[in-house]
Structure formats: C-alpha cells, structure tokens
N, C-alpha and C. Protein backbone atom coordinates (compact mmCIF):
# COMPACT_ATOMS: atom_id res chain seq x y z
N MET A 1 4.06 -15.75 18.54
CA MET A 1 2.70 -15.24 18.34
C MET A 1 1.74 -16.10 19.16
N SER A 2 0.86 -15.45 19.91
CA SER A 2 -0.04 -16.18 20.79
C SER A 2 -1.10 -16.93 19.98
N GLU A 3 -1.72 -17.92 20.64
CA GLU A 3 -2.75 -18.71 19.98
C GLU A 3 -3.95 -17.84 19.57
N THR A 4 -4.28 -16.86 20.43
CA THR A 4 -5.40 -15.98 20.11
C THR A 4 -5.13 -15.19 18.85
N ILE A 5 -3.93 -14.63 18.70
CA ILE A 5 -3.59 -13.87 17.50
C ILE A 5 -3.56 -14.79 16.29
N CYS A 6 -3.12 -16.03 16.46
CA CYS A 6 -3.12 -16.98 15.34
C CYS A 6 -4.54 -17.25 14.86
N LYS A 7 -5.50 -17.34 15.78
CA LYS A 7 -6.90 -17.59 15.43
C LYS A 7 -7.58 -16.34 14.87
N LEU A 8 -7.09 -15.18 15.28
CA LEU A 8 -7.67 -13.91 14.85
C LEU A 8 -7.55 -13.78 13.34
N GLY A 9 -8.67 -13.55 12.69
CA GLY A 9 -8.67 -13.42 11.25
C GLY A 9 -8.79 -14.75 10.52
N VAL A 10 -8.78 -15.86 11.26
CA VAL A 10 -8.93 -17.19 10.67
C VAL A 10 -10.23 -17.82 11.19
N ALA A 11 -10.40 -17.80 12.52
CA ALA A 11 -11.64 -18.29 13.12
C ALA A 11 -12.80 -17.42 12.64
N ASN A 12 -13.98 -17.93 12.71
CA ASN A 12 -15.19 -17.20 12.30
C ASN A 12 -15.13 -16.76 10.83
N ASP A 13 -14.53 -17.57 9.99
CA ASP A 13 -14.41 -17.26 8.56
C ASP A 13 -13.72 -15.93 8.30
N GLY A 14 -12.83 -15.53 9.19
CA GLY A 14 -12.08 -14.29 9.00
C GLY A 14 -12.75 -13.05 9.56
N PHE A 15 -13.94 -13.20 10.15
CA PHE A 15 -14.63 -12.04 10.72
C PHE A 15 -14.07 -11.73 12.10
N VAL A 16 -13.78 -10.45 12.33
CA VAL A 16 -13.26 -9.97 13.60
C VAL A 16 -14.03 -8.71 14.00
N TYR A 17 -13.84 -8.28 15.24
CA TYR A 17 -14.50 -7.07 15.73
C TYR A 17 -13.45 -6.07 16.19
N THR A 18 -13.76 -4.81 16.03
CA THR A 18 -12.85 -3.76 16.45
C THR A 18 -13.03 -3.48 17.94
N THR A 19 -11.92 -3.20 18.62
CA THR A 19 -11.97 -2.99 20.07
C THR A 19 -12.07 -1.52 20.45
N CYS A 20 -11.89 -0.62 19.49
CA CYS A 20 -12.01 0.82 19.76
C CYS A 20 -12.17 1.56 18.43
N ASP A 21 -12.45 2.83 18.51
CA ASP A 21 -12.55 3.66 17.30
C ASP A 21 -11.16 3.87 16.72
N TYR A 22 -11.09 4.00 15.38
CA TYR A 22 -9.82 4.29 14.73
C TYR A 22 -10.08 5.18 13.51
N LYS A 23 -9.33 6.26 13.40
CA LYS A 23 -9.42 7.18 12.27
C LYS A 23 -8.21 6.94 11.38
N ALA A 24 -8.47 6.59 10.11
CA ALA A 24 -7.39 6.32 9.16
C ALA A 24 -6.45 7.50 9.04
N LYS A 25 -5.17 7.20 8.99
CA LYS A 25 -4.15 8.24 8.86
C LYS A 25 -3.56 8.29 7.45
N ASN A 26 -3.79 7.24 6.67
CA ASN A 26 -3.31 7.16 5.29
C ASN A 26 -4.45 6.70 4.39
N ALA A 27 -4.32 6.96 3.11
CA ALA A 27 -5.37 6.65 2.14
C ALA A 27 -5.67 5.16 2.03
N ASP A 28 -4.68 4.30 2.33
CA ASP A 28 -4.88 2.85 2.19
C ASP A 28 -5.35 2.19 3.50
N GLU A 29 -5.71 2.99 4.51
CA GLU A 29 -6.21 2.47 5.78
C GLU A 29 -7.72 2.64 5.87
N LEU A 30 -8.35 1.85 6.74
CA LEU A 30 -9.78 1.95 6.98
C LEU A 30 -10.05 2.63 8.32
N SER A 31 -11.04 3.49 8.36
CA SER A 31 -11.54 4.04 9.62
C SER A 31 -12.67 3.14 10.11
N PHE A 32 -12.84 3.05 11.43
CA PHE A 32 -13.93 2.24 11.98
C PHE A 32 -14.26 2.70 13.39
N VAL A 33 -15.40 2.24 13.87
CA VAL A 33 -15.83 2.51 15.24
C VAL A 33 -15.76 1.22 16.05
N LYS A 34 -15.74 1.37 17.36
CA LYS A 34 -15.68 0.22 18.26
C LYS A 34 -16.86 -0.72 18.01
N GLY A 35 -16.57 -2.03 17.97
CA GLY A 35 -17.61 -3.03 17.81
C GLY A 35 -17.97 -3.35 16.37
N LYS A 36 -17.28 -2.72 15.41
CA LYS A 36 -17.57 -2.95 13.99
C LYS A 36 -17.03 -4.31 13.57
N CYS A 37 -17.79 -5.02 12.74
CA CYS A 37 -17.38 -6.32 12.24
C CYS A 37 -16.61 -6.13 10.93
N LEU A 38 -15.40 -6.68 10.86
CA LEU A 38 -14.55 -6.61 9.66
C LEU A 38 -14.28 -8.02 9.16
N LYS A 39 -13.98 -8.12 7.88
CA LYS A 39 -13.58 -9.41 7.29
C LYS A 39 -12.11 -9.30 6.90
N VAL A 40 -11.25 -10.07 7.54
CA VAL A 40 -9.82 -10.06 7.24
C VAL A 40 -9.57 -10.95 6.03
N SER A 41 -8.90 -10.38 5.03
CA SER A 41 -8.58 -11.18 3.84
C SER A 41 -7.09 -11.48 3.71
N ARG A 42 -6.24 -10.71 4.43
CA ARG A 42 -4.80 -10.97 4.41
C ARG A 42 -4.18 -10.51 5.73
N LYS A 43 -3.43 -11.41 6.35
CA LYS A 43 -2.81 -11.11 7.64
C LYS A 43 -1.35 -10.71 7.42
N GLY A 44 -1.13 -9.48 6.99
CA GLY A 44 0.22 -8.99 6.80
C GLY A 44 0.94 -9.71 5.67
N ASP A 45 2.25 -9.54 5.63
CA ASP A 45 3.07 -10.23 4.63
C ASP A 45 4.43 -10.54 5.26
N GLY A 46 5.41 -10.83 4.46
CA GLY A 46 6.72 -11.21 4.99
C GLY A 46 7.40 -10.13 5.81
N THR A 47 7.12 -8.86 5.53
CA THR A 47 7.79 -7.77 6.24
C THR A 47 6.88 -7.04 7.23
N GLU A 48 5.58 -7.14 7.06
CA GLU A 48 4.63 -6.40 7.90
C GLU A 48 3.61 -7.34 8.51
N SER A 49 3.57 -7.40 9.86
CA SER A 49 2.59 -8.27 10.51
C SER A 49 1.61 -7.48 11.38
N GLU A 50 1.86 -6.21 11.57
CA GLU A 50 1.01 -5.40 12.44
C GLU A 50 -0.22 -4.83 11.72
N TRP A 51 -0.19 -4.77 10.40
CA TRP A 51 -1.30 -4.21 9.61
C TRP A 51 -1.86 -5.30 8.72
N TRP A 52 -3.18 -5.51 8.83
CA TRP A 52 -3.85 -6.54 8.05
C TRP A 52 -4.79 -5.90 7.04
N TRP A 53 -5.03 -6.58 5.93
CA TRP A 53 -5.94 -6.12 4.89
C TRP A 53 -7.33 -6.64 5.20
N ALA A 54 -8.32 -5.73 5.24
CA ALA A 54 -9.66 -6.14 5.64
C ALA A 54 -10.71 -5.38 4.83
N THR A 55 -11.95 -5.86 4.94
CA THR A 55 -13.09 -5.23 4.27
C THR A 55 -14.13 -4.86 5.32
N VAL A 56 -14.68 -3.65 5.19
CA VAL A 56 -15.77 -3.21 6.05
C VAL A 56 -16.66 -2.28 5.23
N ASP A 57 -17.96 -2.52 5.28
CA ASP A 57 -18.93 -1.69 4.56
C ASP A 57 -18.57 -1.51 3.09
N GLY A 58 -18.07 -2.58 2.47
CA GLY A 58 -17.75 -2.55 1.04
C GLY A 58 -16.43 -1.87 0.70
N GLN A 59 -15.71 -1.39 1.68
CA GLN A 59 -14.41 -0.76 1.43
C GLN A 59 -13.30 -1.65 1.96
N GLN A 60 -12.13 -1.59 1.28
CA GLN A 60 -10.99 -2.39 1.69
C GLN A 60 -9.83 -1.49 2.07
N GLY A 61 -9.01 -1.99 2.99
CA GLY A 61 -7.83 -1.24 3.39
C GLY A 61 -7.14 -1.92 4.56
N TYR A 62 -6.04 -1.29 4.99
CA TYR A 62 -5.28 -1.81 6.11
C TYR A 62 -5.91 -1.41 7.44
N VAL A 63 -5.82 -2.33 8.41
CA VAL A 63 -6.28 -2.08 9.78
C VAL A 63 -5.19 -2.56 10.73
N PRO A 64 -5.00 -1.86 11.86
CA PRO A 64 -4.00 -2.31 12.83
C PRO A 64 -4.53 -3.54 13.58
N GLN A 65 -3.79 -4.64 13.50
CA GLN A 65 -4.27 -5.90 14.08
C GLN A 65 -4.41 -5.84 15.59
N ASN A 66 -3.70 -4.94 16.27
CA ASN A 66 -3.81 -4.87 17.73
C ASN A 66 -5.13 -4.25 18.18
N LEU A 67 -5.95 -3.75 17.25
CA LEU A 67 -7.26 -3.20 17.60
C LEU A 67 -8.40 -4.14 17.21
N LEU A 68 -8.06 -5.42 16.97
CA LEU A 68 -9.05 -6.41 16.54
C LEU A 68 -9.22 -7.49 17.61
N SER A 69 -10.41 -8.08 17.64
CA SER A 69 -10.72 -9.14 18.59
C SER A 69 -11.63 -10.17 17.94
N VAL A 70 -11.57 -11.40 18.43
CA VAL A 70 -12.47 -12.44 17.90
C VAL A 70 -13.87 -12.30 18.49
N ARG A 71 -13.98 -11.49 19.55
CA ARG A 71 -15.28 -11.30 20.22
C ARG A 71 -15.72 -9.85 20.10
N ASN A 72 -17.03 -9.67 20.06
CA ASN A 72 -17.59 -8.33 20.03
C ASN A 72 -17.75 -7.85 21.47
N THR A 73 -16.89 -6.95 21.90
CA THR A 73 -16.90 -6.50 23.29
C THR A 73 -18.17 -5.72 23.63
N ARG A 74 -18.81 -5.10 22.65
CA ARG A 74 -20.06 -4.39 22.93
C ARG A 74 -21.14 -5.35 23.39
N ILE A 75 -21.24 -6.49 22.75
CA ILE A 75 -22.24 -7.48 23.12
C ILE A 75 -21.94 -8.02 24.51
N ILE A 76 -20.67 -8.30 24.79
CA ILE A 76 -20.29 -8.83 26.09
C ILE A 76 -20.62 -7.83 27.20
N ILE A 77 -20.32 -6.57 26.99
CA ILE A 77 -20.61 -5.53 28.00
C ILE A 77 -22.12 -5.42 28.22
N THR A 78 -22.89 -5.45 27.14
CA THR A 78 -24.35 -5.36 27.25
C THR A 78 -24.90 -6.53 28.07
N ILE A 79 -24.41 -7.72 27.82
CA ILE A 79 -24.86 -8.90 28.56
C ILE A 79 -24.52 -8.76 30.04
N ILE A 80 -23.32 -8.28 30.36
CA ILE A 80 -22.92 -8.10 31.75
C ILE A 80 -23.83 -7.09 32.44
N VAL A 81 -24.12 -5.97 31.77
CA VAL A 81 -24.99 -4.95 32.36
C VAL A 81 -26.38 -5.51 32.63
N ILE A 82 -26.94 -6.23 31.68
CA ILE A 82 -28.27 -6.83 31.86
C ILE A 82 -28.25 -7.83 33.01
N TYR A 83 -27.21 -8.65 33.06
CA TYR A 83 -27.08 -9.63 34.14
C TYR A 83 -27.04 -8.93 35.50
N CYS A 84 -26.24 -7.87 35.62
CA CYS A 84 -26.16 -7.13 36.89
C CYS A 84 -27.50 -6.51 37.25
N TYR A 85 -28.20 -5.97 36.27
CA TYR A 85 -29.51 -5.37 36.51
C TYR A 85 -30.49 -6.42 37.06
N ILE A 86 -30.49 -7.59 36.47
CA ILE A 86 -31.36 -8.68 36.93
C ILE A 86 -31.00 -9.09 38.35
N LEU A 87 -29.69 -9.19 38.66
CA LEU A 87 -29.27 -9.54 40.01
C LEU A 87 -29.74 -8.50 41.03
N ILE A 88 -29.64 -7.22 40.67
CA ILE A 88 -30.08 -6.16 41.59
C ILE A 88 -31.58 -6.28 41.85
N ILE A 89 -32.35 -6.55 40.80
CA ILE A 89 -33.80 -6.72 40.97
C ILE A 89 -34.10 -7.91 41.87
N ILE A 90 -33.40 -9.02 41.67
CA ILE A 90 -33.63 -10.22 42.48
C ILE A 90 -33.27 -9.96 43.94
N VAL A 91 -32.14 -9.32 44.17
CA VAL A 91 -31.67 -9.09 45.53
C VAL A 91 -32.51 -8.05 46.25
N THR A 92 -32.81 -6.94 45.58
CA THR A 92 -33.53 -5.84 46.25
C THR A 92 -35.03 -5.94 46.08
N GLY A 93 -35.47 -6.60 45.01
CA GLY A 93 -36.89 -6.67 44.73
C GLY A 93 -37.44 -5.36 44.20
N VAL A 94 -36.56 -4.44 43.86
CA VAL A 94 -36.98 -3.11 43.42
C VAL A 94 -36.50 -2.86 41.99
N PRO A 95 -37.42 -2.97 41.00
CA PRO A 95 -37.03 -2.70 39.62
C PRO A 95 -37.23 -1.24 39.23
N GLY A 96 -37.29 -0.35 40.22
CA GLY A 96 -37.65 1.04 39.95
C GLY A 96 -36.51 1.93 39.56
N PHE A 97 -35.48 1.43 38.93
CA PHE A 97 -34.41 2.28 38.42
C PHE A 97 -33.99 1.76 37.04
N PHE A 98 -33.32 2.59 36.30
CA PHE A 98 -32.93 2.23 34.94
C PHE A 98 -31.42 2.39 34.78
N ILE A 99 -30.84 1.52 34.01
CA ILE A 99 -29.43 1.63 33.67
C ILE A 99 -29.35 1.92 32.18
N ARG A 100 -28.68 2.98 31.83
CA ARG A 100 -28.51 3.32 30.42
C ARG A 100 -27.02 3.26 30.10
N VAL A 101 -26.67 2.44 29.15
CA VAL A 101 -25.28 2.32 28.71
C VAL A 101 -25.16 3.06 27.39
N ALA A 102 -24.31 4.05 27.33
CA ALA A 102 -24.16 4.88 26.14
C ALA A 102 -23.83 4.03 24.93
N GLY A 103 -24.55 4.27 23.85
CA GLY A 103 -24.28 3.59 22.60
C GLY A 103 -24.98 2.26 22.44
N TYR A 104 -25.79 1.86 23.37
CA TYR A 104 -26.46 0.56 23.25
C TYR A 104 -27.95 0.76 23.08
C-alpha cells in the first residue's frame, strides 16, 4: 500500500475529497459529486480494503477508496486557471477576455 493511501483517511483528521461523481449502487453506499468533502471513519476491514465507511451531509455509508484524495482537485484546478489568466494578462497586457470554468 502506497504512502499516499496510508495517509488517506488519516491525515486531515480523516477528511478526504472525492475525485469524481459517484452514484450509489447499493443501499449501504453513499452517492457524491466531485470535490465533496467526506469524513472517513473506517478504512475497510480484514476482508475488504477497497470500500471505506464515511460520512457526508449527515449520512453514512460505504465509498470506493479509489475515488478519494487528500486534496480537493476543484480548488487546485481553479487556482491553476486563475494563475494562467494572470500570466496571459501580464504577457499580453490585454485583460479583455474571460475564462469560465464550468462548476466554479
């Protein structure tokens, strides 16, 4: 198990972020959207390591651990877009265009 996965669900007091949308397929699973913050309370058990028990919006259930990250990718993407926009303004001197990132 990689160091990142070992820290996942432990670092940040167990708070993790989802990397994509997921629609629950069973009653004991949680649905979520990309960038949602979850609180991991149990990282699998002796027989199951791919599904973790988590809480989101007051509901608890299993989530697939491969769709979780210690970083919020939405925030990172937003920062990159803003940085690029500022660089374009500095280089061209022309702030006369707009960049719209869906969902932000």
